[in-house]
């Protein structure tokens, strides 16, 4: 399937809502933990595929601000899995020239996990290949509120005039400052909503929804999403004038 992908129409930034780990496990009469572990394997595959295709940024919705309401044992499990995986895969990230970033809030993140994330971010910060951006303890409404507060402080201090506030002002105040907006959003498990994810940044993204649960979303499925994206006509609100 790789040979079908047009390397001249590659999305620079792909955002993914990885949904369905628990349902996948329950559907196979397995503990939900097995679903999360299998989901991590898919993350590794998709990162490899993104590198192969030539994508610049992959943002993974790893844990939302609303996910704290899940059962305590499941939340603890997710934290432990993420800590172990990042610690184990650090050398591979370095060898593959991958840069890790994180967007979201620091509050409530367990100390061990936070220290692990900070370590991996620091040790990969000079890598120049694919950027893997973890949206962890992330909520877009909180992100926008924080951006508004930051802009308001700049106005209050006299560093910024109200008349000068524009789209770039807001974009530069978001967690994703410095990254291109996503060209493609993928969501698995059949849900067709964006669930408080990158509300500003997804304004002109193409959406790809699939009924596949995340643990079933393999490299082939990812490439199908890229091929589907390449069939879209991206007008960004403009009319496309046909050539005479």
Protein backbone atom coordinates (compact mmCIF):
# COMPACT_ATOMS: atom_id res chain seq x y z
CA UNK A 1 0.00 0.00 0.00
CA UNK A 2 2.97 2.32 0.56
CA UNK A 3 3.57 2.56 -3.19
CA UNK A 4 0.07 4.03 -3.63
CA UNK A 5 0.81 7.00 -1.38
CA UNK A 6 1.68 10.19 -3.25
CA UNK A 7 4.71 11.58 -1.45
CA UNK A 8 3.90 15.07 -2.78
CA UNK A 9 0.58 15.23 -0.85
CA UNK A 10 1.64 14.16 2.63
CA UNK A 11 -0.11 15.70 5.64
CA UNK A 12 2.50 17.56 7.67
CA UNK A 13 0.68 16.99 10.95
CA UNK A 14 -1.62 14.09 11.83
CA UNK A 15 -3.63 14.17 15.08
CA UNK A 16 -5.07 10.92 16.42
CA UNK A 17 -7.78 10.19 18.99
CA UNK A 18 -6.90 6.63 20.01
CA UNK A 19 -10.26 5.30 21.11
CA UNK A 20 -11.43 1.80 21.97
CA UNK A 21 -8.75 0.05 24.04
CA UNK A 22 -11.15 -0.96 26.79
CA UNK A 23 -13.93 -2.04 24.41
CA UNK A 24 -11.43 -4.11 22.43
CA UNK A 25 -10.40 -5.99 25.57
CA UNK A 26 -13.96 -6.48 26.78
CA UNK A 27 -14.97 -7.77 23.36
CA UNK A 28 -12.38 -10.51 23.71
CA UNK A 29 -13.19 -11.24 27.36
CA UNK A 30 -9.84 -9.81 28.45
CA UNK A 31 -9.00 -7.39 31.27
CA UNK A 32 -9.06 -3.74 30.14
CA UNK A 33 -5.35 -3.63 30.90
CA UNK A 34 -4.73 -5.90 27.91
CA UNK A 35 -6.44 -3.36 25.68
CA UNK A 36 -4.15 -0.56 26.83
CA UNK A 37 -1.06 -2.75 26.38
CA UNK A 38 -2.14 -3.70 22.87
CA UNK A 39 -2.89 -0.05 22.18
CA UNK A 40 0.74 0.83 22.98
CA UNK A 41 1.89 -1.65 20.33
CA UNK A 42 -0.27 0.16 17.76
CA UNK A 43 1.29 3.48 18.76
CA UNK A 44 4.73 2.06 18.02
CA UNK A 45 3.57 0.78 14.62
CA UNK A 46 1.92 4.07 13.65
CA UNK A 47 5.01 6.07 14.64
CA UNK A 48 7.14 3.83 12.41
CA UNK A 49 4.65 4.22 9.55
CA UNK A 50 4.54 8.00 9.97
CA UNK A 51 8.32 8.12 9.68
CA UNK A 52 8.25 5.96 6.57
CA UNK A 53 5.62 8.15 4.91
CA UNK A 54 7.38 11.41 5.76
CA UNK A 55 4.92 13.00 8.20
CA UNK A 56 6.46 15.77 10.31
CA UNK A 57 4.25 15.71 13.44
CA UNK A 58 1.97 13.13 15.06
CA UNK A 59 -0.12 14.32 18.01
CA UNK A 60 -1.59 11.49 20.10
CA UNK A 61 -4.53 12.14 22.43
CA UNK A 62 -3.10 10.04 25.23
CA UNK A 63 -5.05 11.16 28.30
CA UNK A 64 -7.66 13.89 28.60
CA UNK A 65 -8.54 16.10 31.55
CA UNK A 66 -11.84 14.18 31.66
CA UNK A 67 -10.13 10.78 31.88
CA UNK A 68 -9.39 11.34 35.57
CA UNK A 69 -13.03 10.38 36.15
CA UNK A 70 -12.32 6.79 35.10
CA UNK A 71 -11.91 4.09 37.79
CA UNK A 72 -8.84 4.78 39.91
CA UNK A 73 -7.23 1.42 39.15
CA UNK A 74 -7.51 2.01 35.39
CA UNK A 75 -6.04 5.52 35.67
CA UNK A 76 -3.16 4.13 37.73
CA UNK A 77 -2.62 1.40 35.16
CA UNK A 78 -2.43 3.91 32.29
CA UNK A 79 0.10 6.01 34.22
CA UNK A 80 2.27 2.98 34.96
CA UNK A 81 2.15 1.72 31.37
CA UNK A 82 3.11 5.12 29.98
CA UNK A 83 5.98 5.48 32.45
CA UNK A 84 7.36 2.04 31.61
CA UNK A 85 7.00 2.47 27.84
CA UNK A 86 8.70 5.87 27.73
CA UNK A 87 11.56 4.64 29.89
CA UNK A 88 11.97 1.51 27.75
CA UNK A 89 11.70 3.28 24.38
CA UNK A 90 13.93 6.28 25.09
CA UNK A 91 16.94 4.79 23.32
CA UNK A 92 14.84 3.86 20.28
CA UNK A 93 13.50 7.41 20.08
CA UNK A 94 17.07 8.70 20.14
CA UNK A 95 18.25 6.18 17.56
CA UNK A 96 15.30 7.00 15.27
CA UNK A 97 15.87 10.78 15.56
CA UNK A 98 12.37 11.28 17.03
CA UNK A 99 11.60 14.28 19.21
CA UNK A 100 9.06 13.86 22.00
CA UNK A 101 6.90 16.74 23.15
CA UNK A 102 3.95 17.02 25.51
CA UNK A 103 0.98 19.35 25.59
CA UNK A 104 -1.32 19.54 28.60
CA UNK A 105 -1.30 20.43 32.26
CA UNK A 106 1.26 19.32 34.82
CA UNK A 107 -1.25 19.23 37.68
CA UNK A 108 -2.19 15.77 38.97
CA UNK A 109 0.41 13.97 36.87
CA UNK A 110 2.20 11.44 39.12
CA UNK A 111 5.73 12.52 39.98
CA UNK A 112 7.43 9.43 38.52
CA UNK A 113 5.59 9.79 35.22
CA UNK A 114 6.21 13.52 35.03
CA UNK A 115 9.92 13.04 35.66
CA UNK A 116 10.07 10.32 33.00
CA UNK A 117 8.29 12.50 30.43
CA UNK A 118 10.58 15.43 31.25
CA UNK A 119 13.66 13.21 30.88
CA UNK A 120 12.59 11.86 27.48
CA UNK A 121 11.66 15.34 26.23
CA UNK A 122 15.05 16.70 27.32
CA UNK A 123 17.06 13.86 25.83
CA UNK A 124 15.28 14.03 22.46
CA UNK A 125 14.93 17.81 22.16
CA UNK A 126 17.71 18.12 19.59
CA UNK A 127 16.39 15.35 17.34
CA UNK A 128 15.35 16.63 13.93
CA UNK A 129 13.04 13.89 12.65
CA UNK A 130 9.41 13.10 13.42
CA UNK A 131 7.87 15.02 16.34
CA UNK A 132 5.68 12.83 18.53
CA UNK A 133 3.45 15.15 20.52
CA UNK A 134 1.68 13.58 23.50
CA UNK A 135 -1.56 15.33 24.46
CA UNK A 136 -1.53 14.24 28.10
CA UNK A 137 -3.81 15.62 30.82
CA UNK A 138 -5.02 17.76 27.96
CA UNK A 139 -8.27 19.63 27.34
CA UNK A 140 -8.71 22.16 24.54
CA UNK A 141 -11.05 24.44 26.48
CA UNK A 142 -8.51 24.77 29.30
CA UNK A 143 -5.81 25.40 26.70
CA UNK A 144 -7.85 28.24 25.16
CA UNK A 145 -8.66 29.70 28.59
CA UNK A 146 -4.95 29.74 29.44
CA UNK A 147 -4.18 31.39 26.10
CA UNK A 148 -6.78 34.12 26.76
CA UNK A 149 -5.31 34.74 30.22
CA UNK A 150 -1.82 35.02 28.76
CA UNK A 151 -2.96 37.49 26.11
CA UNK A 152 -4.92 39.49 28.69
CA UNK A 153 -1.80 39.80 30.86
CA UNK A 154 0.16 41.09 27.86
CA UNK A 155 -2.52 43.71 27.20
CA UNK A 156 -2.68 44.66 30.88
CA UNK A 157 1.10 45.13 31.04
CA UNK A 158 1.14 47.24 27.91
CA UNK A 159 3.13 44.73 25.86
CA UNK A 160 0.23 44.19 23.47
CA UNK A 161 -2.47 46.44 22.05
CA UNK A 162 -5.99 45.01 21.83
CA UNK A 163 -6.19 46.11 18.19
CA UNK A 164 -3.15 43.97 17.39
CA UNK A 165 -4.71 40.71 18.59
CA UNK A 166 -5.12 38.36 15.62
CA UNK A 167 -5.19 34.64 14.82
CA UNK A 168 -1.41 34.43 15.13
CA UNK A 169 -1.60 35.97 18.61
CA UNK A 170 -3.87 33.16 19.75
CA UNK A 171 -1.98 30.40 17.93
CA UNK A 172 1.27 31.53 19.52
CA UNK A 173 -0.33 31.40 22.97
CA UNK A 174 -1.49 27.78 22.61
CA UNK A 175 0.42 24.68 23.73
CA UNK A 176 1.14 23.85 20.08
CA UNK A 177 3.00 27.09 19.38
CA UNK A 178 5.64 26.44 16.74
CA UNK A 179 3.89 23.40 15.24
CA UNK A 180 1.82 23.40 12.05
CA UNK A 181 -1.91 22.90 12.59
CA UNK A 182 -3.07 19.32 11.94
CA UNK A 183 -3.96 18.55 8.34
CA UNK A 184 -5.67 15.28 9.29
CA UNK A 185 -7.55 14.06 12.36
CA UNK A 186 -8.04 10.32 12.77
CA UNK A 187 -10.46 8.90 15.32
CA UNK A 188 -10.96 5.20 15.89
CA UNK A 189 -13.83 3.14 17.38
CA UNK A 190 -16.72 4.59 15.37
CA UNK A 191 -17.18 7.75 17.43
CA UNK A 192 -17.61 10.90 15.33
CA UNK A 193 -16.71 13.78 17.62
CA UNK A 194 -13.51 15.55 18.61
CA UNK A 195 -14.00 15.40 22.39
CA UNK A 196 -12.37 18.68 23.46
CA UNK A 197 -9.26 17.97 21.38
CA UNK A 198 -7.33 20.75 19.58
CA UNK A 199 -10.48 22.83 19.06
CA UNK A 200 -8.62 25.82 17.60
CA UNK A 201 -6.00 23.88 15.68
CA UNK A 202 -8.43 21.53 13.89
CA UNK A 203 -10.36 24.36 12.22
CA UNK A 204 -9.39 23.28 8.70
CA UNK A 205 -8.29 19.69 9.26
CA UNK A 206 -9.72 16.79 7.30
CA UNK A 207 -11.50 14.26 9.52
CA UNK A 208 -11.18 10.49 9.12
CA UNK A 209 -13.45 8.30 11.26
CA UNK A 210 -13.15 4.53 11.35
CA UNK A 211 -15.08 1.84 13.22
CA UNK A 212 -11.83 0.02 13.93
CA UNK A 213 -10.97 -0.01 17.62
CA UNK A 214 -7.52 1.41 18.34
CA UNK A 215 -5.82 -1.98 19.01
CA UNK A 216 -7.03 -3.06 15.54
CA UNK A 217 -5.80 0.12 13.85
CA UNK A 218 -2.58 -1.17 12.32
CA UNK A 219 -0.15 0.22 9.76
CA UNK A 220 -2.39 -0.79 6.87
CA UNK A 221 -5.35 1.07 8.38
CA UNK A 222 -3.17 4.14 8.94
CA UNK A 223 -2.09 4.15 5.32
CA UNK A 224 -5.74 3.83 4.26
CA UNK A 225 -6.41 7.04 6.19
CA UNK A 226 -3.52 8.78 4.42
CA UNK A 227 -4.79 7.62 1.02
CA UNK A 228 -8.27 8.87 1.88
CA UNK A 229 -6.80 12.24 2.87
CA UNK A 230 -5.05 12.46 -0.49
CA UNK A 231 -8.41 12.23 -2.26
CA UNK A 232 -9.76 15.30 -0.45
CA UNK A 233 -9.93 18.72 -2.06
CA UNK A 234 -8.71 21.16 0.57
CA UNK A 235 -10.17 24.60 -0.14
CA UNK A 236 -9.80 26.29 3.28
CA UNK A 237 -13.11 28.10 2.71
CA UNK A 238 -12.18 29.28 -0.76
CA UNK A 239 -13.62 28.42 -4.16
CA UNK A 240 -11.48 26.39 -6.51
CA UNK A 241 -11.46 27.90 -9.99
CA UNK A 242 -11.43 25.28 -12.70
CA UNK A 243 -8.78 25.69 -15.33
CA UNK A 244 -10.20 26.81 -18.62
